[in-house]
Amino acid sequence: MPKPKPREVWLIDLGMTAKVRPCLVLSDYPADNELALMVVIPHTTALRGNRWEHVCDKPFLRPGAFHLQQIQPVSLPRLEHKLGELTTAEYKALANQIIGLLNLNAV
């Protein structure tokens, strides 16, 4: 299996209750001495119009948004295949929104 990288969007099995959905990879691929986990943000088509939804129109995604309040770790076997990736500018805009969510500006 190819090693996922930050900015890539992968189809990921999030378990019985969350189903298989596109997710944006945030973390680097784990080293051999680390847990076999990647940190991701799921994409949703069920929009609520709140400040933690990051809309990013891509041809490989249905209309929707990455929901920043759902940042989560997933185990490597749950990653199915790469769908595409965000540009550097798109990823930077999303990263700035995460900084706001986590209140890292105050540090």
PDB file of N, CA and C in Angstrom:
ATOM      1  N   MET A   1       0.843  -1.186   0.000  1.00  0.00           N
ATOM      2  CA  MET A   1       0.000   0.000   0.000  1.00  0.00           C
ATOM      3  C   MET A   1       0.888   1.249   0.000  1.00  0.00           C
ATOM      4  N   PRO A   2       0.537   2.247  -0.808  1.00  0.00           N
ATOM      5  CA  PRO A   2       1.296   3.505  -0.781  1.00  0.00           C
ATOM      6  C   PRO A   2       1.157   4.189   0.573  1.00  0.00           C
ATOM      7  N   LYS A   3       2.132   4.980   0.924  1.00  0.00           N
ATOM      8  CA  LYS A   3       2.101   5.693   2.201  1.00  0.00           C
ATOM      9  C   LYS A   3       1.361   7.022   2.047  1.00  0.00           C
ATOM     10  N   PRO A   4       0.247   7.189   2.765  1.00  0.00           N
ATOM     11  CA  PRO A   4      -0.489   8.456   2.697  1.00  0.00           C
ATOM     12  C   PRO A   4       0.357   9.608   3.223  1.00  0.00           C
ATOM     13  N   LYS A   5       0.092  10.802   2.656  1.00  0.00           N
ATOM     14  CA  LYS A   5       0.821  12.014   3.051  1.00  0.00           C
ATOM     15  C   LYS A   5      -0.168  13.119   3.395  1.00  0.00           C
ATOM     16  N   PRO A   6       0.259  14.076   4.229  1.00  0.00           N
ATOM     17  CA  PRO A   6      -0.596  15.236   4.481  1.00  0.00           C
ATOM     18  C   PRO A   6      -1.001  15.901   3.169  1.00  0.00           C
ATOM     19  N   ARG A   7      -2.231  16.431   3.129  1.00  0.00           N
ATOM     20  CA  ARG A   7      -2.865  17.073   1.971  1.00  0.00           C
ATOM     21  C   ARG A   7      -3.610  16.090   1.094  1.00  0.00           C
ATOM     22  N   GLU A   8      -3.355  14.781   1.250  1.00  0.00           N
ATOM     23  CA  GLU A   8      -4.038  13.799   0.412  1.00  0.00           C
ATOM     24  C   GLU A   8      -5.416  13.474   0.994  1.00  0.00           C
ATOM     25  N   VAL A   9      -6.348  13.186   0.101  1.00  0.00           N
ATOM     26  CA  VAL A   9      -7.686  12.757   0.495  1.00  0.00           C
ATOM     27  C   VAL A   9      -7.806  11.279   0.153  1.00  0.00           C
ATOM     28  N   TRP A  10      -8.137  10.480   1.172  1.00  0.00           N
ATOM     29  CA  TRP A  10      -8.250   9.037   1.020  1.00  0.00           C
ATOM     30  C   TRP A  10      -9.661   8.590   1.366  1.00  0.00           C
ATOM     31  N   LEU A  11     -10.097   7.503   0.757  1.00  0.00           N
ATOM     32  CA  LEU A  11     -11.331   6.865   1.156  1.00  0.00           C
ATOM     33  C   LEU A  11     -10.990   5.988   2.354  1.00  0.00           C
ATOM     34  N   ILE A  12     -11.685   6.211   3.481  1.00  0.00           N
ATOM     35  CA  ILE A  12     -11.332   5.545   4.736  1.00  0.00           C
ATOM     36  C   ILE A  12     -12.572   4.943   5.384  1.00  0.00           C
ATOM     37  N   ASP A  13     -12.425   3.728   5.886  1.00  0.00           N
ATOM     38  CA  ASP A  13     -13.494   3.070   6.632  1.00  0.00           C
ATOM     39  C   ASP A  13     -13.431   3.573   8.067  1.00  0.00           C
ATOM     40  N   LEU A  14     -14.410   4.390   8.449  1.00  0.00           N
ATOM     41  CA  LEU A  14     -14.429   4.975   9.795  1.00  0.00           C
ATOM     42  C   LEU A  14     -15.203   4.122  10.800  1.00  0.00           C
ATOM     43  N   GLY A  15     -15.560   2.910  10.422  1.00  0.00           N
ATOM     44  CA  GLY A  15     -16.234   2.017  11.364  1.00  0.00           C
ATOM     45  C   GLY A  15     -17.721   1.897  11.088  1.00  0.00           C
ATOM     46  N   MET A  16     -18.352   1.079  11.875  1.00  0.00           N
ATOM     47  CA  MET A  16     -19.758   0.735  11.645  1.00  0.00           C
ATOM     48  C   MET A  16     -20.688   1.943  11.671  1.00  0.00           C
ATOM     49  N   THR A  17     -20.497   2.849  12.589  1.00  0.00           N
ATOM     50  CA  THR A  17     -21.431   3.963  12.722  1.00  0.00           C
ATOM     51  C   THR A  17     -21.115   5.136  11.800  1.00  0.00           C
ATOM     52  N   ALA A  18     -19.899   5.260  11.331  1.00  0.00           N
ATOM     53  CA  ALA A  18     -19.510   6.422  10.524  1.00  0.00           C
ATOM     54  C   ALA A  18     -19.384   6.121   9.035  1.00  0.00           C
ATOM     55  N   LYS A  19     -19.323   4.894   8.643  1.00  0.00           N
ATOM     56  CA  LYS A  19     -19.231   4.397   7.266  1.00  0.00           C
ATOM     57  C   LYS A  19     -17.925   4.771   6.569  1.00  0.00           C
ATOM     58  N   VAL A  20     -17.838   4.399   5.307  1.00  0.00           N
ATOM     59  CA  VAL A  20     -16.654   4.696   4.497  1.00  0.00           C
ATOM     60  C   VAL A  20     -16.863   6.071   3.877  1.00  0.00           C
ATOM     61  N   ARG A  21     -15.879   6.946   4.063  1.00  0.00           N
ATOM     62  CA  ARG A  21     -16.022   8.299   3.521  1.00  0.00           C
ATOM     63  C   ARG A  21     -14.646   8.890   3.194  1.00  0.00           C
ATOM     64  N   PRO A  22     -14.627   9.927   2.358  1.00  0.00           N
ATOM     65  CA  PRO A  22     -13.355  10.602   2.079  1.00  0.00           C
ATOM     66  C   PRO A  22     -12.857  11.323   3.333  1.00  0.00           C
ATOM     67  N   CYS A  23     -11.556  11.293   3.539  1.00  0.00           N
ATOM     68  CA  CYS A  23     -10.941  11.983   4.677  1.00  0.00           C
ATOM     69  C   CYS A  23      -9.645  12.637   4.224  1.00  0.00           C
ATOM     70  N   LEU A  24      -9.370  13.797   4.783  1.00  0.00           N
ATOM     71  CA  LEU A  24      -8.129  14.504   4.522  1.00  0.00           C
ATOM     72  C   LEU A  24      -7.079  14.053   5.522  1.00  0.00           C
ATOM     73  N   VAL A  25      -5.928  13.645   5.035  1.00  0.00           N
ATOM     74  CA  VAL A  25      -4.829  13.216   5.899  1.00  0.00           C
ATOM     75  C   VAL A  25      -4.103  14.453   6.423  1.00  0.00           C
ATOM     76  N   LEU A  26      -3.917  14.514   7.754  1.00  0.00           N
ATOM     77  CA  LEU A  26      -3.211  15.627   8.397  1.00  0.00           C
ATOM     78  C   LEU A  26      -1.802  15.254   8.830  1.00  0.00           C
ATOM     79  N   SER A  27      -1.609  14.025   9.288  1.00  0.00           N
ATOM     80  CA  SER A  27      -0.329  13.641   9.900  1.00  0.00           C
ATOM     81  C   SER A  27       0.584  12.919   8.913  1.00  0.00           C
ATOM     82  N   ASP A  28       1.849  12.867   9.284  1.00  0.00           N
ATOM     83  CA  ASP A  28       2.820  12.099   8.516  1.00  0.00           C
ATOM     84  C   ASP A  28       2.601  10.609   8.757  1.00  0.00           C
ATOM     85  N   TYR A  29       3.118   9.797   7.844  1.00  0.00           N
ATOM     86  CA  TYR A  29       3.054   8.350   8.003  1.00  0.00           C
ATOM     87  C   TYR A  29       3.852   7.964   9.251  1.00  0.00           C
ATOM     88  N   PRO A  30       3.313   7.089  10.102  1.00  0.00           N
ATOM     89  CA  PRO A  30       4.004   6.767  11.357  1.00  0.00           C
ATOM     90  C   PRO A  30       5.299   5.978  11.146  1.00  0.00           C
ATOM     91  N   ALA A  31       6.263   6.271  11.999  1.00  0.00           N
ATOM     92  CA  ALA A  31       7.533   5.526  12.001  1.00  0.00           C
ATOM     93  C   ALA A  31       7.294   4.153  12.625  1.00  0.00           C
ATOM     94  N   ASP A  32       8.260   3.272  12.473  1.00  0.00           N
ATOM     95  CA  ASP A  32       8.126   1.902  12.988  1.00  0.00           C
ATOM     96  C   ASP A  32       7.929   1.852  14.501  1.00  0.00           C
ATOM     97  N   ASN A  33       8.450   2.830  15.228  1.00  0.00           N
ATOM     98  CA  ASN A  33       8.331   2.812  16.692  1.00  0.00           C
ATOM     99  C   ASN A  33       7.133   3.625  17.191  1.00  0.00           C
ATOM    100  N   GLU A  34       6.221   4.003  16.293  1.00  0.00           N
ATOM    101  CA  GLU A  34       5.023   4.772  16.648  1.00  0.00           C
ATOM    102  C   GLU A  34       3.776   3.926  16.410  1.00  0.00           C
ATOM    103  N   LEU A  35       2.661   4.358  16.984  1.00  0.00           N
ATOM    104  CA  LEU A  35       1.396   3.685  16.734  1.00  0.00           C
ATOM    105  C   LEU A  35       1.055   3.774  15.252  1.00  0.00           C
ATOM    106  N   ALA A  36       0.454   2.730  14.706  1.00  0.00           N
ATOM    107  CA  ALA A  36       0.101   2.672  13.284  1.00  0.00           C
ATOM    108  C   ALA A  36      -1.196   3.440  13.042  1.00  0.00           C
ATOM    109  N   LEU A  37      -1.132   4.767  13.281  1.00  0.00           N
ATOM    110  CA  LEU A  37      -2.302   5.635  13.159  1.00  0.00           C
ATOM    111  C   LEU A  37      -1.975   6.840  12.292  1.00  0.00           C
ATOM    112  N   MET A  38      -3.010   7.336  11.621  1.00  0.00           N
ATOM    113  CA  MET A  38      -2.917   8.593  10.885  1.00  0.00           C
ATOM    114  C   MET A  38      -4.030   9.492  11.421  1.00  0.00           C
ATOM    115  N   VAL A  39      -3.782  10.792  11.489  1.00  0.00           N
ATOM    116  CA  VAL A  39      -4.793  11.750  11.934  1.00  0.00           C
ATOM    117  C   VAL A  39      -5.466  12.317  10.685  1.00  0.00           C
ATOM    118  N   VAL A  40      -6.809  12.278  10.678  1.00  0.00           N
ATOM    119  CA  VAL A  40      -7.566  12.673   9.494  1.00  0.00           C
ATOM    120  C   VAL A  40      -8.765  13.550   9.870  1.00  0.00           C
ATOM    121  N   ILE A  41      -9.338  14.197   8.844  1.00  0.00           N
ATOM    122  CA  ILE A  41     -10.581  14.954   8.992  1.00  0.00           C
ATOM    123  C   ILE A  41     -11.577  14.385   7.979  1.00  0.00           C
ATOM    124  N   PRO A  42     -12.714  13.887   8.447  1.00  0.00           N
ATOM    125  CA  PRO A  42     -13.717  13.355   7.523  1.00  0.00           C
ATOM    126  C   PRO A  42     -14.398  14.446   6.697  1.00  0.00           C
ATOM    127  N   HIS A  43     -14.794  14.068   5.501  1.00  0.00           N
ATOM    128  CA  HIS A  43     -15.586  14.931   4.622  1.00  0.00           C
ATOM    129  C   HIS A  43     -17.045  14.517   4.776  1.00  0.00           C
ATOM    130  N   THR A  44     -17.936  15.487   4.841  1.00  0.00           N
ATOM    131  CA  THR A  44     -19.356  15.201   4.979  1.00  0.00           C
ATOM    132  C   THR A  44     -20.165  15.960   3.946  1.00  0.00           C
ATOM    133  N   THR A  45     -21.298  15.385   3.566  1.00  0.00           N
ATOM    134  CA  THR A  45     -22.222  16.082   2.674  1.00  0.00           C
ATOM    135  C   THR A  45     -23.414  16.629   3.464  1.00  0.00           C
ATOM    136  N   ALA A  46     -23.484  16.291   4.745  1.00  0.00           N
ATOM    137  CA  ALA A  46     -24.568  16.770   5.621  1.00  0.00           C
ATOM    138  C   ALA A  46     -24.107  18.058   6.306  1.00  0.00           C
ATOM    139  N   LEU A  47     -24.249  19.164   5.600  1.00  0.00           N
ATOM    140  CA  LEU A  47     -23.756  20.448   6.112  1.00  0.00           C
ATOM    141  C   LEU A  47     -24.738  21.079   7.093  1.00  0.00           C
ATOM    142  N   ARG A  48     -24.159  21.755   8.077  1.00  0.00           N
ATOM    143  CA  ARG A  48     -24.956  22.469   9.070  1.00  0.00           C
ATOM    144  C   ARG A  48     -24.722  23.976   9.013  1.00  0.00           C
ATOM    145  N   GLY A  49     -23.765  24.386   8.223  1.00  0.00           N
ATOM    146  CA  GLY A  49     -23.492  25.806   8.065  1.00  0.00           C
ATOM    147  C   GLY A  49     -22.781  26.431   9.246  1.00  0.00           C
ATOM    148  N   ASN A  50     -21.984  25.638   9.975  1.00  0.00           N
ATOM    149  CA  ASN A  50     -21.273  26.226  11.116  1.00  0.00           C
ATOM    150  C   ASN A  50     -19.833  26.576  10.755  1.00  0.00           C
ATOM    151  N   ARG A  51     -19.173  27.261  11.652  1.00  0.00           N
ATOM    152  CA  ARG A  51     -17.831  27.791  11.373  1.00  0.00           C
ATOM    153  C   ARG A  51     -16.749  26.727  11.268  1.00  0.00           C
ATOM    154  N   TRP A  52     -17.021  25.496  11.664  1.00  0.00           N
ATOM    155  CA  TRP A  52     -15.998  24.455  11.625  1.00  0.00           C
ATOM    156  C   TRP A  52     -16.137  23.530  10.415  1.00  0.00           C
ATOM    157  N   GLU A  53     -16.948  23.924   9.455  1.00  0.00           N
ATOM    158  CA  GLU A  53     -17.023  23.210   8.191  1.00  0.00           C
ATOM    159  C   GLU A  53     -16.125  23.930   7.184  1.00  0.00           C
ATOM    160  N   HIS A  54     -15.226  23.183   6.597  1.00  0.00           N
ATOM    161  CA  HIS A  54     -14.308  23.771   5.614  1.00  0.00           C
ATOM    162  C   HIS A  54     -14.678  23.250   4.226  1.00  0.00           C
ATOM    163  N   VAL A  55     -15.293  24.121   3.438  1.00  0.00           N
ATOM    164  CA  VAL A  55     -15.698  23.753   2.082  1.00  0.00           C
ATOM    165  C   VAL A  55     -14.485  23.827   1.164  1.00  0.00           C
ATOM    166  N   CYS A  56     -14.305  22.785   0.393  1.00  0.00           N
ATOM    167  CA  CYS A  56     -13.192  22.718  -0.544  1.00  0.00           C
ATOM    168  C   CYS A  56     -13.683  21.936  -1.762  1.00  0.00           C
ATOM    169  N   ASP A  57     -14.045  22.650  -2.818  1.00  0.00           N
ATOM    170  CA  ASP A  57     -14.595  22.006  -4.008  1.00  0.00           C
ATOM    171  C   ASP A  57     -13.489  21.301  -4.788  1.00  0.00           C
ATOM    172  N   LYS A  58     -13.662  19.996  -4.929  1.00  0.00           N
ATOM    173  CA  LYS A  58     -12.715  19.187  -5.689  1.00  0.00           C
ATOM    174  C   LYS A  58     -13.525  18.239  -6.577  1.00  0.00           C
ATOM    175  N   PRO A  59     -13.047  17.934  -7.773  1.00  0.00           N
ATOM    176  CA  PRO A  59     -13.816  17.057  -8.665  1.00  0.00           C
ATOM    177  C   PRO A  59     -13.998  15.636  -8.131  1.00  0.00           C
ATOM    178  N   PHE A  60     -13.137  15.195  -7.231  1.00  0.00           N
ATOM    179  CA  PHE A  60     -13.235  13.838  -6.693  1.00  0.00           C
ATOM    180  C   PHE A  60     -14.088  13.760  -5.423  1.00  0.00           C
ATOM    181  N   LEU A  61     -14.680  14.895  -4.994  1.00  0.00           N
ATOM    182  CA  LEU A  61     -15.531  14.938  -3.804  1.00  0.00           C
ATOM    183  C   LEU A  61     -16.938  15.383  -4.174  1.00  0.00           C
ATOM    184  N   ARG A  62     -17.932  14.813  -3.516  1.00  0.00           N
ATOM    185  CA  ARG A  62     -19.296  15.313  -3.663  1.00  0.00           C
ATOM    186  C   ARG A  62     -19.370  16.660  -2.947  1.00  0.00           C
ATOM    187  N   PRO A  63     -20.351  17.511  -3.297  1.00  0.00           N
ATOM    188  CA  PRO A  63     -20.485  18.793  -2.597  1.00  0.00           C
ATOM    189  C   PRO A  63     -20.625  18.574  -1.088  1.00  0.00           C
ATOM    190  N   GLY A  64     -19.832  19.287  -0.311  1.00  0.00           N
ATOM    191  CA  GLY A  64     -19.831  19.132   1.139  1.00  0.00           C
ATOM    192  C   GLY A  64     -18.679  19.898   1.746  1.00  0.00           C
ATOM    193  N   ALA A  65     -18.187  19.383   2.879  1.00  0.00           N
ATOM    194  CA  ALA A  65     -17.109  20.075   3.592  1.00  0.00           C
ATOM    195  C   ALA A  65     -16.352  19.093   4.476  1.00  0.00           C
ATOM    196  N   PHE A  66     -15.122  19.476   4.811  1.00  0.00           N
ATOM    197  CA  PHE A  66     -14.370  18.749   5.835  1.00  0.00           C
ATOM    198  C   PHE A  66     -14.842  19.298   7.173  1.00  0.00           C
ATOM    199  N   HIS A  67     -15.225  18.409   8.072  1.00  0.00           N
ATOM    200  CA  HIS A  67     -15.766  18.859   9.363  1.00  0.00           C
ATOM    201  C   HIS A  67     -14.661  18.816  10.410  1.00  0.00           C
ATOM    202  N   LEU A  68     -14.135  19.992  10.744  1.00  0.00           N
ATOM    203  CA  LEU A  68     -12.961  20.088  11.602  1.00  0.00           C
ATOM    204  C   LEU A  68     -13.180  19.591  13.027  1.00  0.00           C
ATOM    205  N   GLN A  69     -14.409  19.578  13.513  1.00  0.00           N
ATOM    206  CA  GLN A  69     -14.667  19.070  14.864  1.00  0.00           C
ATOM    207  C   GLN A  69     -14.575  17.550  14.922  1.00  0.00           C
ATOM    208  N   GLN A  70     -14.383  16.906  13.789  1.00  0.00           N
ATOM    209  CA  GLN A  70     -14.302  15.443  13.762  1.00  0.00           C
ATOM    210  C   GLN A  70     -12.884  14.939  13.504  1.00  0.00           C
ATOM    211  N   ILE A  71     -11.882  15.750  13.779  1.00  0.00           N
ATOM    212  CA  ILE A  71     -10.492  15.302  13.636  1.00  0.00           C
ATOM    213  C   ILE A  71     -10.315  14.043  14.479  1.00  0.00           C
ATOM    214  N   GLN A  72      -9.715  13.008  13.882  1.00  0.00           N
ATOM    215  CA  GLN A  72      -9.596  11.732  14.592  1.00  0.00           C
ATOM    216  C   GLN A  72      -8.444  10.889  14.068  1.00  0.00           C
ATOM    217  N   PRO A  73      -7.945   9.992  14.920  1.00  0.00           N
ATOM    218  CA  PRO A  73      -6.942   9.039  14.446  1.00  0.00           C
ATOM    219  C   PRO A  73      -7.642   7.819  13.835  1.00  0.00           C
ATOM    220  N   VAL A  74      -7.033   7.246  12.817  1.00  0.00           N
ATOM    221  CA  VAL A  74      -7.528   5.995  12.239  1.00  0.00           C
ATOM    222  C   VAL A  74      -6.341   5.062  12.036  1.00  0.00           C
ATOM    223  N   SER A  75      -6.595   3.782  12.167  1.00  0.00           N
ATOM    224  CA  SER A  75      -5.520   2.808  11.971  1.00  0.00           C
ATOM    225  C   SER A  75      -5.249   2.623  10.475  1.00  0.00           C
ATOM    226  N   LEU A  76      -4.011   2.330  10.150  1.00  0.00           N
ATOM    227  CA  LEU A  76      -3.579   2.230   8.755  1.00  0.00           C
ATOM    228  C   LEU A  76      -4.416   1.265   7.906  1.00  0.00           C
ATOM    229  N   PRO A  77      -4.818   0.099   8.431  1.00  0.00           N
ATOM    230  CA  PRO A  77      -5.600  -0.816   7.585  1.00  0.00           C
ATOM    231  C   PRO A  77      -6.948  -0.247   7.128  1.00  0.00           C
ATOM    232  N   ARG A  78      -7.431   0.812   7.766  1.00  0.00           N
ATOM    233  CA  ARG A  78      -8.727   1.403   7.391  1.00  0.00           C
ATOM    234  C   ARG A  78      -8.638   2.304   6.150  1.00  0.00           C
ATOM    235  N   LEU A  79      -7.419   2.681   5.762  1.00  0.00           N
ATOM    236  CA  LEU A  79      -7.246   3.511   4.571  1.00  0.00           C
ATOM    237  C   LEU A  79      -7.369   2.628   3.333  1.00  0.00           C
ATOM    238  N   GLU A  80      -8.324   2.970   2.462  1.00  0.00           N
ATOM    239  CA  GLU A  80      -8.599   2.119   1.311  1.00  0.00           C
ATOM    240  C   GLU A  80      -7.828   2.539   0.066  1.00  0.00           C
ATOM    241  N   HIS A  81      -8.013   3.776  -0.394  1.00  0.00           N
ATOM    242  CA  HIS A  81      -7.247   4.262  -1.547  1.00  0.00           C
ATOM    243  C   HIS A  81      -7.319   5.782  -1.638  1.00  0.00           C
ATOM    244  N   LYS A  82      -6.325   6.324  -2.312  1.00  0.00           N
ATOM    245  CA  LYS A  82      -6.224   7.776  -2.486  1.00  0.00           C
ATOM    246  C   LYS A  82      -7.219   8.247  -3.537  1.00  0.00           C
ATOM    247  N   LEU A  83      -7.911   9.353  -3.223  1.00  0.00           N
ATOM    248  CA  LEU A  83      -8.856   9.957  -4.160  1.00  0.00           C
ATOM    249  C   LEU A  83      -8.248  11.152  -4.884  1.00  0.00           C
ATOM    250  N   GLY A  84      -7.380  11.884  -4.202  1.00  0.00           N
ATOM    251  CA  GLY A  84      -6.781  13.088  -4.758  1.00  0.00           C
ATOM    252  C   GLY A  84      -6.064  13.849  -3.675  1.00  0.00           C
ATOM    253  N   GLU A  85      -5.805  15.136  -3.900  1.00  0.00           N
ATOM    254  CA  GLU A  85      -5.149  15.929  -2.861  1.00  0.00           C
ATOM    255  C   GLU A  85      -5.517  17.389  -2.975  1.00  0.00           C
ATOM    256  N   LEU A  86      -5.314  18.107  -1.877  1.00  0.00           N
ATOM    257  CA  LEU A  86      -5.539  19.546  -1.834  1.00  0.00           C
ATOM    258  C   LEU A  86      -4.282  20.258  -2.300  1.00  0.00           C
ATOM    259  N   THR A  87      -4.448  21.441  -2.856  1.00  0.00           N
ATOM    260  CA  THR A  87      -3.290  22.254  -3.210  1.00  0.00           C
ATOM    261  C   THR A  87      -2.674  22.789  -1.912  1.00  0.00           C
ATOM    262  N   THR A  88      -1.477  23.320  -2.024  1.00  0.00           N
ATOM    263  CA  THR A  88      -0.821  23.912  -0.855  1.00  0.00           C
ATOM    264  C   THR A  88      -1.660  25.050  -0.290  1.00  0.00           C
ATOM    265  N   ALA A  89      -2.225  25.891  -1.151  1.00  0.00           N
ATOM    266  CA  ALA A  89      -3.047  27.021  -0.693  1.00  0.00           C
ATOM    267  C   ALA A  89      -4.326  26.531  -0.001  1.00  0.00           C
ATOM    268  N   GLU A  90      -4.965  25.508  -0.543  1.00  0.00           N
ATOM    269  CA  GLU A  90      -6.179  24.955   0.076  1.00  0.00           C
ATOM    270  C   GLU A  90      -5.859  24.367   1.447  1.00  0.00           C
ATOM    271  N   TYR A  91      -4.742  23.659   1.527  1.00  0.00           N
ATOM    272  CA  TYR A  91      -4.345  23.033   2.793  1.00  0.00           C
ATOM    273  C   TYR A  91      -3.983  24.098   3.835  1.00  0.00           C
ATOM    274  N   LYS A  92      -3.326  25.163   3.396  1.00  0.00           N
ATOM    275  CA  LYS A  92      -2.954  26.232   4.318  1.00  0.00           C
ATOM    276  C   LYS A  92      -4.197  26.924   4.881  1.00  0.00           C
ATOM    277  N   ALA A  93      -5.207  27.142   4.046  1.00  0.00           N
ATOM    278  CA  ALA A  93      -6.460  27.754   4.510  1.00  0.00           C
ATOM    279  C   ALA A  93      -7.134  26.868   5.548  1.00  0.00           C
ATOM    280  N   LEU A  94      -7.148  25.566   5.301  1.00  0.00           N
ATOM    281  CA  LEU A  94      -7.730  24.626   6.255  1.00  0.00           C
ATOM    282  C   LEU A  94      -6.915  24.607   7.546  1.00  0.00           C
ATOM    283  N   ALA A  95      -5.591  24.619   7.439  1.00  0.00           N
ATOM    284  CA  ALA A  95      -4.722  24.612   8.621  1.00  0.00           C
ATOM    285  C   ALA A  95      -4.973  25.846   9.486  1.00  0.00           C
ATOM    286  N   ASN A  96      -5.167  27.000   8.863  1.00  0.00           N
ATOM    287  CA  ASN A  96      -5.463  28.213   9.628  1.00  0.00           C
ATOM    288  C   ASN A  96      -6.789  28.097  10.368  1.00  0.00           C
ATOM    289  N   GLN A  97      -7.752  27.419   9.758  1.00  0.00           N
ATOM    290  CA  GLN A  97      -9.037  27.216  10.427  1.00  0.00           C
ATOM    291  C   GLN A  97      -8.874  26.267  11.622  1.00  0.00           C
ATOM    292  N   ILE A  98      -8.023  25.259  11.498  1.00  0.00           N
ATOM    293  CA  ILE A  98      -7.749  24.342  12.614  1.00  0.00           C
ATOM    294  C   ILE A  98      -7.076  25.093  13.760  1.00  0.00           C
ATOM    295  N   ILE A  99      -6.177  25.995  13.437  1.00  0.00           N
ATOM    296  CA  ILE A  99      -5.527  26.821  14.474  1.00  0.00           C
ATOM    297  C   ILE A  99      -6.583  27.582  15.270  1.00  0.00           C
ATOM    298  N   GLY A 100      -7.589  28.109  14.595  1.00  0.00           N
ATOM    299  CA  GLY A 100      -8.682  28.789  15.282  1.00  0.00           C
ATOM    300  C   GLY A 100      -9.515  27.852  16.117  1.00  0.00           C
ATOM    301  N   LEU A 101      -9.834  26.681  15.583  1.00  0.00           N
ATOM    302  CA  LEU A 101     -10.614  25.687  16.320  1.00  0.00           C
ATOM    303  C   LEU A 101      -9.930  25.298  17.626  1.00  0.00           C
ATOM    304  N   LEU A 102      -8.648  25.066  17.564  1.00  0.00           N
ATOM    305  CA  LEU A 102      -7.894  24.618  18.741  1.00  0.00           C
ATOM    306  C   LEU A 102      -7.382  25.768  19.606  1.00  0.00           C
ATOM    307  N   ASN A 103      -7.706  26.992  19.208  1.00  0.00           N
ATOM    308  CA  ASN A 103      -7.327  28.192  19.940  1.00  0.00           C
ATOM    309  C   ASN A 103      -5.808  28.285  20.126  1.00  0.00           C
ATOM    310  N   LEU A 104      -5.094  27.955  19.076  1.00  0.00           N
ATOM    311  CA  LEU A 104      -3.639  28.001  19.123  1.00  0.00           C
ATOM    312  C   LEU A 104      -3.081  29.397  18.873  1.00  0.00           C
ATOM    313  N   ASN A 105      -3.928  30.330  18.450  1.00  0.00           N
ATOM    314  CA  ASN A 105      -3.488  31.716  18.278  1.00  0.00           C
ATOM    315  C   ASN A 105      -3.094  32.341  19.608  1.00  0.00           C
ATOM    316  N   ALA A 106      -3.704  31.882  20.687  1.00  0.00           N
ATOM    317  CA  ALA A 106      -3.495  32.476  22.011  1.00  0.00           C
ATOM    318  C   ALA A 106      -2.187  32.060  22.654  1.00  0.00           C
ATOM    319  N   VAL A 107      -1.492  31.117  22.041  1.00  0.00           N
ATOM    320  CA  VAL A 107      -0.262  30.591  22.648  1.00  0.00           C
ATOM    321  C   VAL A 107       0.896  31.515  22.350  1.00  0.00           C
TER     322      VAL A 107
END
